[in-house]
N, C-alpha and C. Protein backbone atom coordinates (compact mmCIF):
# COMPACT_ATOMS: atom_id res chain seq x y z
N MET A 1 15.51 -16.04 16.62
CA MET A 1 15.87 -15.02 17.13
C MET A 1 15.41 -14.18 18.26
N LEU A 2 16.04 -13.38 19.08
CA LEU A 2 15.75 -12.58 20.58
C LEU A 2 16.27 -11.30 20.02
N HIS A 3 15.32 -10.80 20.19
CA HIS A 3 15.54 -9.43 20.36
C HIS A 3 16.22 -8.81 21.11
N VAL A 4 17.44 -7.86 21.14
CA VAL A 4 18.41 -7.14 22.12
C VAL A 4 17.81 -6.28 23.12
N ALA A 5 17.80 -5.94 24.02
CA ALA A 5 17.20 -4.95 25.11
C ALA A 5 17.73 -3.47 24.56
N HIS A 6 16.98 -2.65 24.26
CA HIS A 6 17.39 -1.67 23.75
C HIS A 6 18.31 -0.10 24.53
N THR A 7 19.28 -0.38 24.32
CA THR A 7 20.23 0.53 24.56
C THR A 7 20.88 1.12 24.00
N SER A 8 21.10 2.62 24.29
CA SER A 8 21.75 3.36 23.32
C SER A 8 23.91 2.79 22.89
N GLY A 9 24.28 2.82 23.61
CA GLY A 9 25.49 1.65 23.36
C GLY A 9 24.84 0.58 22.01
N MET A 10 24.37 -0.49 22.49
CA MET A 10 23.80 -1.57 21.43
C MET A 10 23.53 -0.98 19.91
N LEU A 11 22.36 0.24 19.79
CA LEU A 11 22.44 0.38 18.57
C LEU A 11 23.02 1.33 17.95
N ALA A 12 23.73 2.17 18.89
CA ALA A 12 25.07 3.20 18.14
C ALA A 12 26.05 2.43 17.41
N LEU A 13 26.76 1.03 18.20
CA LEU A 13 27.26 -0.05 17.67
C LEU A 13 26.95 -0.40 16.56
N LEU A 14 25.56 -1.18 16.68
CA LEU A 14 25.04 -1.37 15.51
C LEU A 14 25.41 -0.01 14.20
N MET A 15 24.52 0.63 13.96
CA MET A 15 24.48 1.77 13.22
C MET A 15 25.56 2.56 12.84
N SER A 16 26.73 2.55 13.58
CA SER A 16 28.20 2.83 13.15
C SER A 16 28.63 2.12 12.22
N GLY A 17 28.34 0.51 11.82
CA GLY A 17 28.19 0.17 10.79
C GLY A 17 27.62 0.02 9.49
N SER A 18 26.39 0.55 9.79
CA SER A 18 25.46 0.73 8.68
C SER A 18 25.26 2.15 8.01
N ALA A 19 23.62 1.92 8.00
CA ALA A 19 23.21 3.88 7.38
C ALA A 19 23.75 4.85 8.14
N PHE A 20 23.96 4.37 9.41
CA PHE A 20 24.56 5.56 10.07
C PHE A 20 25.85 6.57 9.65
N ALA A 21 26.75 5.24 8.99
CA ALA A 21 28.07 5.21 8.30
C ALA A 21 27.74 6.72 7.20
N GLN A 22 26.61 6.46 6.42
CA GLN A 22 26.47 7.68 5.67
C GLN A 22 26.04 8.93 5.77
N GLY A 23 26.22 9.12 7.08
CA GLY A 23 25.85 10.57 6.93
C GLY A 23 24.29 11.03 7.57
N PHE A 24 23.90 10.05 8.13
CA PHE A 24 22.17 10.08 8.60
C PHE A 24 22.50 10.47 10.50
N THR A 25 21.65 11.15 11.06
CA THR A 25 21.59 11.54 12.18
C THR A 25 20.19 11.40 12.40
N TRP A 26 20.59 9.62 13.43
CA TRP A 26 19.36 8.61 13.54
C TRP A 26 18.42 9.31 15.06
N THR A 27 17.35 10.06 15.12
CA THR A 27 16.15 10.18 15.86
C THR A 27 15.35 9.79 16.32
N ASP A 28 15.15 9.44 17.59
CA ASP A 28 13.57 8.41 18.02
C ASP A 28 12.41 8.90 17.34
N TYR A 29 11.37 8.70 16.63
CA TYR A 29 10.35 8.79 16.33
C TYR A 29 9.12 8.74 17.21
N LEU A 30 8.35 8.79 17.69
CA LEU A 30 6.91 8.41 18.56
C LEU A 30 5.64 8.38 17.78
N SER A 31 5.33 7.58 17.38
CA SER A 31 4.08 7.37 17.07
C SER A 31 2.66 7.54 18.24
N ARG A 32 1.94 8.91 18.25
CA ARG A 32 0.80 8.53 19.22
C ARG A 32 -0.32 7.52 18.79
N GLU A 33 -0.44 7.92 17.79
CA GLU A 33 -1.67 7.54 16.72
C GLU A 33 -1.58 5.74 16.59
N ASP A 34 -0.36 5.16 16.45
CA ASP A 34 -0.16 3.71 15.96
C ASP A 34 0.33 3.35 17.02
N TYR A 35 0.78 4.29 18.02
CA TYR A 35 1.89 2.86 19.56
C TYR A 35 2.87 2.28 18.94
N PHE A 36 3.99 3.37 18.95
CA PHE A 36 4.84 2.46 18.30
C PHE A 36 6.22 3.95 18.35
N SER A 37 7.44 3.55 18.27
CA SER A 37 8.59 4.24 18.70
C SER A 37 9.58 3.84 17.55
N VAL A 38 10.32 4.42 16.97
CA VAL A 38 11.79 3.63 16.39
C VAL A 38 12.53 4.75 15.88
N SER A 39 13.71 4.73 15.68
CA SER A 39 14.44 5.45 14.75
C SER A 39 14.96 5.70 13.68
N PHE A 40 14.21 6.76 12.85
CA PHE A 40 14.24 7.37 11.55
C PHE A 40 15.88 7.99 11.49
N PRO A 41 16.67 8.13 10.21
CA PRO A 41 17.23 8.84 10.10
C PRO A 41 16.92 10.34 9.65
N GLY A 42 15.86 10.72 10.43
CA GLY A 42 15.26 12.04 9.28
C GLY A 42 14.42 11.81 9.46
N GLU A 43 13.20 12.90 9.72
CA GLU A 43 11.49 13.13 9.69
C GLU A 43 11.09 12.22 8.78
N PRO A 44 9.85 11.62 9.26
CA PRO A 44 9.29 10.67 8.30
C PRO A 44 8.28 11.27 7.51
N VAL A 45 7.73 11.02 6.09
CA VAL A 45 6.52 11.45 5.35
C VAL A 45 5.48 10.09 5.96
N ILE A 46 4.19 10.85 6.44
CA ILE A 46 3.34 10.27 6.47
C ILE A 46 2.10 10.30 5.68
N GLU A 47 1.40 8.92 5.10
CA GLU A 47 0.58 8.85 4.06
C GLU A 47 -0.54 7.76 5.04
N GLU A 48 -1.80 8.55 4.46
CA GLU A 48 -2.88 7.62 5.24
C GLU A 48 -3.50 6.30 3.62
N MET A 49 -3.52 5.39 4.02
CA MET A 49 -3.51 4.73 2.88
C MET A 49 -4.87 3.35 3.23
N THR A 50 -4.96 2.42 2.49
CA THR A 50 -6.25 1.50 2.41
C THR A 50 -5.26 0.01 2.33
N TYR A 51 -5.55 -1.11 2.53
CA TYR A 51 -4.75 -2.30 3.21
C TYR A 51 -5.39 -3.65 2.81
N SER A 52 -5.49 -3.82 1.65
CA SER A 52 -6.55 -5.28 1.45
C SER A 52 -5.80 -6.56 1.75
N THR A 53 -6.44 -7.20 2.33
CA THR A 53 -6.35 -8.56 3.26
C THR A 53 -6.41 -9.53 2.69
N GLU A 54 -5.83 -10.95 3.07
CA GLU A 54 -5.88 -11.84 2.23
C GLU A 54 -7.54 -12.55 2.27
N TYR A 55 -8.62 -11.85 3.69
CA TYR A 55 -9.47 -12.44 2.84
C TYR A 55 -10.32 -11.05 2.11
N ARG A 56 -10.09 -10.54 1.69
CA ARG A 56 -11.14 -9.67 0.74
C ARG A 56 -11.89 -8.41 1.56
N ILE A 57 -10.92 -7.70 2.44
CA ILE A 57 -11.42 -6.96 3.30
C ILE A 57 -10.55 -5.84 3.25
N THR A 58 -11.29 -4.46 3.16
CA THR A 58 -10.14 -3.11 3.45
C THR A 58 -9.96 -2.66 4.71
N LEU A 59 -8.53 -2.27 5.20
CA LEU A 59 -8.48 -1.61 6.28
C LEU A 59 -8.00 -0.63 5.95
N PRO A 60 -8.03 0.32 7.35
CA PRO A 60 -6.99 1.80 7.74
C PRO A 60 -5.90 1.30 7.68
N ALA A 61 -5.05 2.28 6.56
CA ALA A 61 -3.40 1.73 7.38
C ALA A 61 -2.75 3.46 7.35
N ARG A 62 -1.47 3.41 7.92
CA ARG A 62 -0.32 4.79 7.48
C ARG A 62 0.67 4.00 6.96
N VAL A 63 1.32 4.89 6.32
CA VAL A 63 2.80 4.26 6.23
C VAL A 63 4.09 5.85 6.28
N TYR A 64 4.63 5.24 7.29
CA TYR A 64 5.64 6.27 7.68
C TYR A 64 7.01 5.90 6.94
N LEU A 65 7.53 7.22 5.99
CA LEU A 65 7.78 6.64 4.82
C LEU A 65 9.48 7.51 5.17
N TYR A 66 10.74 7.66 5.22
CA TYR A 66 12.07 8.31 4.59
C TYR A 66 12.97 7.81 3.77
N GLU A 67 12.73 8.63 2.79
CA GLU A 67 13.81 8.26 1.75
C GLU A 67 15.52 8.66 1.83
N ASP A 68 16.29 8.73 1.15
CA ASP A 68 17.24 9.54 1.03
C ASP A 68 18.26 9.09 -0.15
N GLY A 69 18.00 9.04 -1.50
CA GLY A 69 18.50 8.61 -2.84
C GLY A 69 18.04 6.65 -2.18
N ALA A 70 19.17 6.02 -2.51
CA ALA A 70 18.65 4.53 -2.88
C ALA A 70 18.27 4.47 -1.60
N TYR A 71 18.49 4.94 -0.55
CA TYR A 71 17.98 4.61 1.15
C TYR A 71 16.73 4.69 1.65
N ARG A 72 16.28 3.49 1.91
CA ARG A 72 14.53 4.03 1.91
C ARG A 72 14.40 3.14 3.53
N PHE A 73 13.68 4.39 4.47
CA PHE A 73 13.39 3.06 5.98
C PHE A 73 11.53 3.26 5.94
N SER A 74 10.82 2.50 6.49
CA SER A 74 9.42 2.67 6.45
C SER A 74 8.71 1.69 7.60
N VAL A 75 7.59 2.29 7.84
CA VAL A 75 6.95 1.59 9.01
C VAL A 75 5.07 1.38 8.56
N THR A 76 4.85 0.61 8.05
CA THR A 76 3.36 0.99 7.23
C THR A 76 2.54 -0.11 8.90
N VAL A 77 1.45 0.74 9.39
CA VAL A 77 1.10 0.12 10.36
C VAL A 77 -0.73 -0.13 9.86
N VAL A 78 -1.39 -0.96 10.04
CA VAL A 78 -2.46 -1.71 9.95
C VAL A 78 -3.41 -1.86 10.79
N ASP A 79 -4.81 -1.27 10.93
CA ASP A 79 -5.65 -1.74 11.96
C ASP A 79 -6.62 -2.41 11.65
N TYR A 80 -6.08 -3.48 12.38
CA TYR A 80 -7.19 -4.68 12.39
C TYR A 80 -8.31 -4.60 13.23
N SER A 81 -8.12 -3.52 13.84
CA SER A 81 -9.68 -3.46 15.65
C SER A 81 -10.75 -3.61 14.75
N ASP A 82 -11.25 -3.71 13.91
CA ASP A 82 -12.13 -3.74 13.37
C ASP A 82 -12.66 -5.17 12.15
N ALA A 83 -11.89 -5.47 12.16
CA ALA A 83 -11.39 -6.86 11.37
C ALA A 83 -12.75 -7.83 11.35
N LEU A 84 -12.75 -8.25 12.95
CA LEU A 84 -14.25 -9.59 12.98
C LEU A 84 -15.38 -9.33 12.70
N GLU A 85 -15.72 -7.22 13.53
CA GLU A 85 -16.77 -7.01 12.61
C GLU A 85 -17.23 -6.88 11.01
N ILE A 86 -16.44 -6.48 10.65
CA ILE A 86 -16.57 -6.56 9.32
C ILE A 86 -16.77 -7.63 8.77
N HIS A 87 -16.06 -8.83 9.25
CA HIS A 87 -16.56 -9.70 8.62
C HIS A 87 -17.77 -10.42 8.96
N LEU A 88 -18.17 -10.42 10.65
CA LEU A 88 -19.30 -10.63 10.60
C LEU A 88 -20.52 -9.68 10.05
N ALA A 89 -20.40 -8.67 10.00
CA ALA A 89 -21.54 -8.01 8.53
C ALA A 89 -21.30 -8.42 7.32
N ARG A 90 -20.50 -9.17 6.67
CA ARG A 90 -20.46 -9.48 5.78
C ARG A 90 -20.87 -10.80 5.20
N ASN A 91 -20.83 -11.26 6.55
CA ASN A 91 -21.48 -13.12 6.79
C ASN A 91 -22.80 -12.95 6.76
N GLU A 92 -23.79 -11.73 7.51
CA GLU A 92 -25.14 -11.31 8.00
C GLU A 92 -25.48 -11.04 6.37
N HIS A 93 -25.15 -10.71 5.60
CA HIS A 93 -25.51 -9.98 4.41
C HIS A 93 -25.41 -11.11 3.28
N CYS A 94 -24.19 -11.98 3.30
CA CYS A 94 -24.37 -12.99 2.69
C CYS A 94 -25.62 -13.90 3.18
N PHE A 95 -25.97 -14.43 4.58
CA PHE A 95 -27.05 -15.07 4.90
C PHE A 95 -28.58 -14.69 4.16
N ALA A 96 -28.20 -13.07 4.37
CA ALA A 96 -30.10 -12.36 4.54
C ALA A 96 -29.87 -12.42 2.68
N SER A 97 -28.90 -12.66 1.78
CA SER A 97 -28.62 -12.57 0.17
C SER A 97 -29.46 -13.89 -0.37
N GLY A 98 -29.39 -15.07 0.31
CA GLY A 98 -29.47 -16.51 0.51
C GLY A 98 -28.56 -17.34 0.24
N GLY A 99 -27.15 -16.79 0.64
CA GLY A 99 -25.81 -17.79 0.95
C GLY A 99 -26.09 -18.68 2.44
N ASP A 100 -25.50 -19.60 1.91
CA ASP A 100 -25.37 -20.59 3.24
C ASP A 100 -24.13 -20.97 3.14
N GLY A 101 -23.90 -22.22 4.28
CA GLY A 101 -22.64 -22.64 4.08
C GLY A 101 -21.63 -22.03 4.12
N ASP A 102 -20.34 -23.14 3.25
CA ASP A 102 -19.14 -22.07 3.41
C ASP A 102 -19.36 -20.88 2.28
N LEU A 103 -20.32 -20.41 1.71
CA LEU A 103 -20.22 -19.63 0.72
C LEU A 103 -20.64 -18.21 2.21
N CYS A 104 -20.54 -18.47 3.42
CA CYS A 104 -20.75 -17.37 4.50
C CYS A 104 -20.17 -18.00 5.38
N GLN A 105 -19.06 -18.62 5.09
CA GLN A 105 -18.40 -18.95 6.53
C GLN A 105 -17.65 -17.69 7.00
N ASP A 106 -17.38 -17.46 8.48
CA ASP A 106 -16.86 -16.29 9.15
C ASP A 106 -15.25 -16.78 8.51
N ASP A 107 -14.65 -16.08 8.03
CA ASP A 107 -13.02 -15.83 8.23
C ASP A 107 -12.43 -14.83 9.07
N GLY A 108 -12.93 -14.92 10.01
CA GLY A 108 -12.44 -13.55 10.80
C GLY A 108 -11.77 -13.52 11.60
N PRO A 109 -11.28 -15.02 12.38
CA PRO A 109 -10.18 -15.73 13.29
C PRO A 109 -8.98 -16.03 12.18
N GLU A 110 -9.38 -16.44 10.98
CA GLU A 110 -8.51 -17.24 10.27
C GLU A 110 -7.79 -15.65 9.26
N GLU A 111 -8.16 -14.55 9.36
CA GLU A 111 -7.86 -13.22 9.18
C GLU A 111 -7.23 -12.87 10.24
N MET A 112 -7.37 -12.24 11.38
CA MET A 112 -6.59 -12.26 12.29
C MET A 112 -5.53 -12.72 12.58
N ARG A 113 -5.60 -14.29 12.80
CA ARG A 113 -4.67 -15.52 13.23
C ARG A 113 -3.33 -15.05 12.07
N GLY A 114 -3.76 -14.93 10.36
CA GLY A 114 -2.54 -15.10 9.10
C GLY A 114 -1.87 -13.40 8.79
N ALA A 115 -2.48 -12.88 9.64
CA ALA A 115 -2.34 -11.33 9.28
C ALA A 115 -0.42 -11.50 9.21
N ILE A 116 0.33 -11.86 9.72
CA ILE A 116 1.23 -11.73 10.19
C ILE A 116 2.37 -12.67 8.61
N VAL A 117 1.22 -14.17 8.74
CA VAL A 117 1.82 -14.78 7.28
C VAL A 117 1.41 -14.15 6.19
N TYR A 118 0.24 -13.91 6.31
CA TYR A 118 0.06 -12.81 4.89
C TYR A 118 1.18 -11.71 4.59
N ALA A 119 1.21 -10.86 5.47
CA ALA A 119 2.20 -9.66 5.37
C ALA A 119 3.63 -10.37 5.02
N SER A 120 3.76 -11.21 5.07
CA SER A 120 5.36 -11.86 4.75
C SER A 120 5.09 -12.53 4.02
N TRP A 121 3.93 -13.29 3.17
CA TRP A 121 4.18 -13.69 2.04
C TRP A 121 4.50 -12.52 0.94
N ASN A 122 3.77 -11.80 0.90
CA ASN A 122 3.86 -10.49 -0.14
C ASN A 122 5.19 -9.74 -0.26
N ILE A 123 5.92 -9.39 1.09
CA ILE A 123 7.18 -8.96 1.21
C ILE A 123 8.10 -9.80 -0.09
N MET A 124 8.20 -11.45 0.09
CA MET A 124 8.73 -12.31 -0.08
C MET A 124 8.27 -12.91 -1.82
N ASN A 125 6.82 -12.36 -1.60
CA ASN A 125 6.19 -12.70 -3.66
C ASN A 125 6.60 -11.43 -4.55
N ARG A 126 7.39 -10.62 -4.10
CA ARG A 126 7.24 -9.50 -4.67
C ARG A 126 8.52 -9.66 -6.14
N ASP A 127 8.18 -9.20 -7.59
CA ASP A 127 8.94 -9.31 -8.66
C ASP A 127 10.03 -9.00 -8.54
N GLY A 128 11.13 -10.10 -8.60
CA GLY A 128 12.86 -9.85 -8.83
C GLY A 128 13.44 -9.98 -8.13
N VAL A 129 12.73 -10.30 -6.68
CA VAL A 129 13.29 -10.46 -5.58
C VAL A 129 13.66 -12.02 -4.93
N LYS A 130 15.21 -12.27 -4.72
CA LYS A 130 15.81 -13.46 -3.66
C LYS A 130 15.23 -13.21 -2.18
N VAL A 131 15.22 -14.33 -1.87
CA VAL A 131 14.70 -14.12 -0.40
C VAL A 131 15.99 -15.09 -0.05
N ASP A 132 16.80 -14.36 1.03
CA ASP A 132 17.73 -14.88 1.77
C ASP A 132 17.54 -15.17 2.66
N HIS A 133 16.88 -15.07 3.59
CA HIS A 133 16.33 -15.44 5.14
C HIS A 133 14.84 -15.47 5.35
N TYR A 134 14.79 -16.03 5.98
CA TYR A 134 13.28 -16.11 6.38
C TYR A 134 12.64 -17.43 7.77
N ALA A 135 12.77 -16.06 8.77
CA ALA A 135 12.73 -16.81 10.28
C ALA A 135 11.34 -16.38 11.33
N TYR A 136 11.49 -16.98 12.45
CA TYR A 136 10.33 -16.62 13.09
C TYR A 136 11.41 -15.40 14.09
N TYR A 137 10.80 -14.76 14.74
CA TYR A 137 11.82 -13.62 14.89
C TYR A 137 10.50 -13.00 16.59
N ASN A 138 11.36 -12.33 17.36
CA ASN A 138 10.46 -11.61 18.18
C ASN A 138 11.29 -9.69 18.34
N SER A 139 10.14 -9.15 18.90
CA SER A 139 11.13 -7.76 19.47
C SER A 139 10.05 -7.57 20.78
N ASP A 140 11.34 -7.65 21.84
CA ASP A 140 10.68 -7.44 22.91
C ASP A 140 9.44 -8.13 23.58
N ARG A 141 10.06 -9.62 23.05
CA ARG A 141 8.68 -10.81 23.40
C ARG A 141 7.65 -10.72 22.82
N VAL A 142 7.22 -9.87 21.20
CA VAL A 142 5.98 -10.15 20.79
C VAL A 142 6.71 -10.60 19.35
N GLU A 143 6.08 -11.67 18.94
CA GLU A 143 6.25 -12.26 18.15
C GLU A 143 6.09 -11.70 16.37
N GLY A 144 7.23 -12.67 15.95
CA GLY A 144 6.87 -11.82 14.35
C GLY A 144 7.78 -12.58 13.32
N HIS A 145 7.82 -12.11 12.52
CA HIS A 145 8.74 -12.77 11.60
C HIS A 145 9.70 -11.46 10.83
N ALA A 146 10.61 -12.24 10.73
CA ALA A 146 12.02 -11.50 9.74
C ALA A 146 12.17 -12.02 8.31
N ILE A 147 12.89 -10.83 7.43
CA ILE A 147 12.63 -11.53 6.14
C ILE A 147 13.81 -10.30 5.43
N ARG A 148 15.05 -10.82 4.72
CA ARG A 148 15.87 -10.39 3.95
C ARG A 148 16.14 -10.68 2.44
N LEU A 149 16.17 -9.62 2.06
CA LEU A 149 15.93 -10.44 0.25
C LEU A 149 16.92 -9.11 -0.19
N THR A 150 17.25 -9.73 -1.63
CA THR A 150 18.04 -9.22 -2.36
C THR A 150 17.43 -9.06 -3.80
N ASN A 151 17.23 -7.67 -4.02
CA ASN A 151 16.21 -6.92 -4.87
C ASN A 151 16.92 -7.08 -6.58
N GLU A 152 16.17 -6.58 -7.49
CA GLU A 152 16.65 -6.99 -8.49
C GLU A 152 17.78 -6.18 -9.29
N ASP A 153 17.68 -5.02 -8.51
CA ASP A 153 19.00 -4.34 -8.37
C ASP A 153 20.00 -4.59 -7.79
N ARG A 154 19.67 -5.05 -6.97
CA ARG A 154 21.07 -5.52 -6.02
C ARG A 154 21.06 -4.78 -4.81
N SER A 155 20.03 -4.30 -4.04
CA SER A 155 19.72 -3.70 -3.33
C SER A 155 19.17 -4.75 -2.14
N ARG A 156 19.50 -4.59 -1.37
CA ARG A 156 19.03 -5.35 -0.09
C ARG A 156 18.36 -4.59 0.94
N THR A 157 17.16 -5.49 1.09
CA THR A 157 15.39 -5.40 2.28
C THR A 157 15.78 -5.93 3.33
N SER A 158 15.66 -5.43 4.46
CA SER A 158 15.48 -5.86 5.85
C SER A 158 13.97 -5.81 6.20
N ALA A 159 13.22 -6.92 6.45
CA ALA A 159 12.63 -6.44 6.57
C ALA A 159 11.63 -7.41 7.87
N VAL A 160 10.71 -6.88 8.71
CA VAL A 160 9.92 -7.52 10.30
C VAL A 160 9.12 -7.47 10.41
N VAL A 161 8.00 -8.49 10.34
CA VAL A 161 6.39 -8.16 10.71
C VAL A 161 6.03 -8.56 11.90
N HIS A 162 5.31 -7.64 12.87
CA HIS A 162 4.49 -7.88 14.26
C HIS A 162 3.11 -7.92 13.80
N MET A 163 2.75 -8.46 14.91
CA MET A 163 1.10 -8.14 14.76
C MET A 163 0.83 -7.80 16.77
N HIS A 164 0.48 -6.30 17.23
CA HIS A 164 0.12 -6.12 19.03
C HIS A 164 -0.89 -5.29 18.78
N GLU A 165 -1.53 -5.80 19.86
CA GLU A 165 -2.85 -5.11 20.19
C GLU A 165 -3.93 -5.04 18.71
N ASN A 166 -3.53 -5.67 17.89
CA ASN A 166 -4.47 -5.60 16.79
C ASN A 166 -3.63 -4.57 15.81
N ARG A 167 -3.09 -4.19 15.80
CA ARG A 167 -2.21 -3.44 14.93
C ARG A 167 -1.24 -4.25 13.80
N LEU A 168 -1.16 -4.31 12.65
CA LEU A 168 0.05 -5.26 12.09
C LEU A 168 1.20 -4.09 11.89
N TYR A 169 2.33 -4.51 12.18
CA TYR A 169 3.10 -3.68 11.84
C TYR A 169 4.23 -4.06 10.79
N ILE A 170 4.47 -3.54 9.72
CA ILE A 170 5.60 -4.04 8.36
C ILE A 170 6.47 -3.17 8.68
N LEU A 171 8.08 -3.58 9.35
CA LEU A 171 9.39 -2.41 8.94
C LEU A 171 10.12 -2.90 8.00
N GLU A 172 10.35 -2.14 7.10
CA GLU A 172 11.53 -2.47 5.65
C GLU A 172 12.52 -1.60 5.99
N SER A 173 13.69 -1.66 5.46
CA SER A 173 14.77 -0.90 5.29
C SER A 173 15.51 -1.45 4.07
N THR A 174 16.03 -0.35 3.21
CA THR A 174 16.02 -1.08 1.53
C THR A 174 17.80 0.03 1.78
N VAL A 175 18.97 -0.84 1.13
CA VAL A 175 20.07 -0.29 0.99
C VAL A 175 20.75 -0.24 -0.56
N PRO A 176 21.52 0.45 -0.70
CA PRO A 176 21.89 -0.22 -2.21
C PRO A 176 22.92 -0.92 -2.19
N ARG A 177 23.20 -1.42 -3.34
CA ARG A 177 24.13 -2.10 -3.20
C ARG A 177 25.56 -2.38 -2.88
N GLY A 178 25.75 -2.93 -2.16
CA GLY A 178 27.41 -2.73 -1.45
C GLY A 178 27.69 -2.46 -0.44
N ALA A 179 26.00 -1.87 0.16
CA ALA A 179 26.15 -0.82 1.35
C ALA A 179 26.47 -2.31 2.91
N PRO A 180 26.32 -1.69 3.45
CA PRO A 180 26.32 -2.54 5.31
C PRO A 180 24.86 -3.15 5.01
N ALA A 181 24.73 -3.86 5.18
CA ALA A 181 23.29 -5.10 5.68
C ALA A 181 22.61 -4.09 6.57
N PRO A 182 21.13 -3.91 5.71
CA PRO A 182 20.41 -2.47 7.05
C PRO A 182 19.67 -3.53 8.27
N GLY A 183 20.34 -3.31 8.90
CA GLY A 183 19.64 -4.13 10.41
C GLY A 183 19.48 -3.16 11.36
N ALA A 184 19.76 -2.48 11.91
CA ALA A 184 19.63 -1.32 12.70
C ALA A 184 18.76 -0.62 13.00
N PHE A 185 17.82 -0.18 12.01
CA PHE A 185 16.56 0.42 11.69
C PHE A 185 15.07 -0.58 12.90
N GLN A 186 14.83 -2.31 12.76
CA GLN A 186 13.89 -2.76 12.91
C GLN A 186 14.32 -3.32 14.64
N ILE A 187 15.64 -2.85 14.30
CA ILE A 187 16.13 -3.34 16.25
C ILE A 187 15.70 -1.97 17.52
N SER A 188 15.57 -0.87 16.75
CA SER A 188 15.16 0.31 17.29
C SER A 188 13.33 0.40 17.40
N LEU A 189 12.41 -0.56 17.46
CA LEU A 189 11.16 -0.57 16.94
C LEU A 189 10.76 -0.94 18.71
N GLN A 190 9.76 -0.12 19.54
CA GLN A 190 9.15 -0.55 20.61
C GLN A 190 7.61 -0.18 20.38
N PHE A 191 7.15 -1.21 20.92
CA PHE A 191 5.63 -1.33 20.96
C PHE A 191 5.33 -0.04 22.69
N LEU A 192 4.41 0.48 22.21
CA LEU A 192 3.89 1.42 23.33
C LEU A 192 2.64 1.40 23.58
N ASP A 193 2.30 1.47 25.02
CA ASP A 193 1.10 1.22 25.42
C ASP A 193 -0.16 2.08 25.59
N SER A 194 -1.01 2.37 26.31
CA SER A 194 -2.12 3.70 26.22
C SER A 194 -1.41 4.53 27.13
N ASN A 195 -0.62 4.34 27.61
CA ASN A 195 0.07 5.79 28.36
C ASN A 195 1.42 6.06 27.01
N PHE A 196 1.77 5.24 26.53
CA PHE A 196 2.76 5.57 25.52
C PHE A 196 4.23 5.32 26.26
N GLU A 197 4.05 4.11 26.78
CA GLU A 197 4.95 3.84 27.81
C GLU A 197 5.68 2.70 26.64
N PRO A 198 7.14 2.63 26.39
CA PRO A 198 7.53 1.30 25.99
C PRO A 198 7.08 -0.09 26.01
N VAL A 199 6.59 -1.60 25.76
CA VAL A 199 6.32 -2.24 26.44
C VAL A 199 7.48 -3.56 26.19
N ARG A 200 7.61 -4.67 26.87
CA ARG A 200 8.53 -5.55 26.92
C ARG A 200 8.18 -6.47 27.96
N TYR A 201 7.46 -7.59 27.42
CA TYR A 201 6.73 -8.88 27.99
C TYR A 201 8.49 -10.27 28.21
N GLU A 202 7.51 -10.69 29.51
CA GLU A 202 8.29 -11.92 30.28
C GLU A 202 8.48 -13.21 28.85
N TRP A 203 9.23 -13.85 28.94
CA TRP A 203 9.27 -15.11 28.71
C TRP A 203 8.10 -16.02 29.71
N GLN A 204 7.38 -16.88 28.92
CA GLN A 204 6.79 -18.35 30.21
C GLN A 204 6.89 -19.70 29.37
N GLY A 205 8.17 -20.13 29.45
CA GLY A 205 8.49 -21.52 28.95
C GLY A 205 8.87 -20.77 27.42
N ILE A 206 8.07 -21.43 26.62
CA ILE A 206 8.10 -20.94 25.55
C ILE A 206 7.09 -20.06 24.47
N GLN A 207 6.04 -19.74 25.61
CA GLN A 207 5.25 -18.54 25.21
C GLN A 207 5.73 -16.72 25.77
N ILE A 208 5.66 -16.06 24.54
CA ILE A 208 5.34 -15.10 24.44
C ILE A 208 4.47 -14.45 23.96
N TYR A 209 4.56 -13.14 23.69
CA TYR A 209 3.16 -12.01 23.38
C TYR A 209 2.43 -13.26 22.07
N SER A 210 1.27 -13.09 21.62
CA SER A 210 0.52 -13.59 20.46
C SER A 210 -0.14 -12.97 20.52
N ASN A 211 -0.39 -12.20 19.42
CA ASN A 211 -1.48 -11.02 19.32
C ASN A 211 -2.92 -12.27 19.36
N GLY A 212 -4.13 -11.53 20.09
CA GLY A 212 -5.09 -12.15 20.25
C GLY A 212 -5.08 -13.42 21.44
N TYR A 213 -4.36 -13.81 21.99
CA TYR A 213 -4.13 -14.61 23.16
C TYR A 213 -3.63 -13.39 24.30
N PRO A 214 -3.70 -14.10 25.57
CA PRO A 214 -3.93 -13.72 26.84
C PRO A 214 -2.08 -12.74 27.01
N PRO A 215 -2.00 -12.13 27.09
CA PRO A 215 -0.09 -11.48 26.22
C PRO A 215 0.27 -11.86 28.65
N PRO A 216 1.17 -12.00 28.31
CA PRO A 216 2.24 -12.76 29.17
C PRO A 216 2.87 -11.38 29.83
N PRO A 217 3.29 -11.94 31.23
CA PRO A 217 3.74 -10.61 32.18
C PRO A 217 4.71 -9.62 31.68
N ARG A 218 4.66 -8.36 31.43
CA ARG A 218 5.39 -7.43 30.85
C ARG A 218 7.18 -7.44 32.18
N VAL A 219 8.04 -7.31 31.55
CA VAL A 219 8.98 -7.27 32.17
C VAL A 219 8.66 -5.69 32.85
N ARG A 220 9.20 -5.52 34.57
CA ARG A 220 9.26 -4.51 34.92
C ARG A 220 10.55 -3.75 35.20
């Protein structure tokens, strides 16, 4: 999936047939703490939390949540910037305690490379859901996964998962049964650089931005 360029006309067209038609007023929200912007249909509530990773470490995270009845829009951001150091410290403790071999192996690289897969698996493995769609995805040439679910109550969830600059971003929008498919929320996502300017990368053959690798050139 190729993420379309951010234009007010395109977003207005997409939102006119979705939750926008429910009377929401969509406004751009910018997080300086987590370096992203997105259009919420109202002011989100922000909650500090922790996130348990695939390889059993705990990382700091935030959830930005807006709910209105059966409509739910959220951005979860997990900070993986200390994950490698946490794993190294755990391994050192393991060796100091007499462990060796696979018992003390370094799972840090797998942790980082598999973060998108693990988050996607957790979404698809929820109780009572039917996975309608799962695909490779990108937003402004930042690679990710796209998932669409039908939930047990027949509501529908659209989710995307990305990783940029060692932050994991999980966006979810849920609408009730019979409502137009939720898709406009994640289309408005933009990743921000250290100056809080949006970034968009160039294609280099089949290469796009993949966390942990040298980034391709940015679109100017």
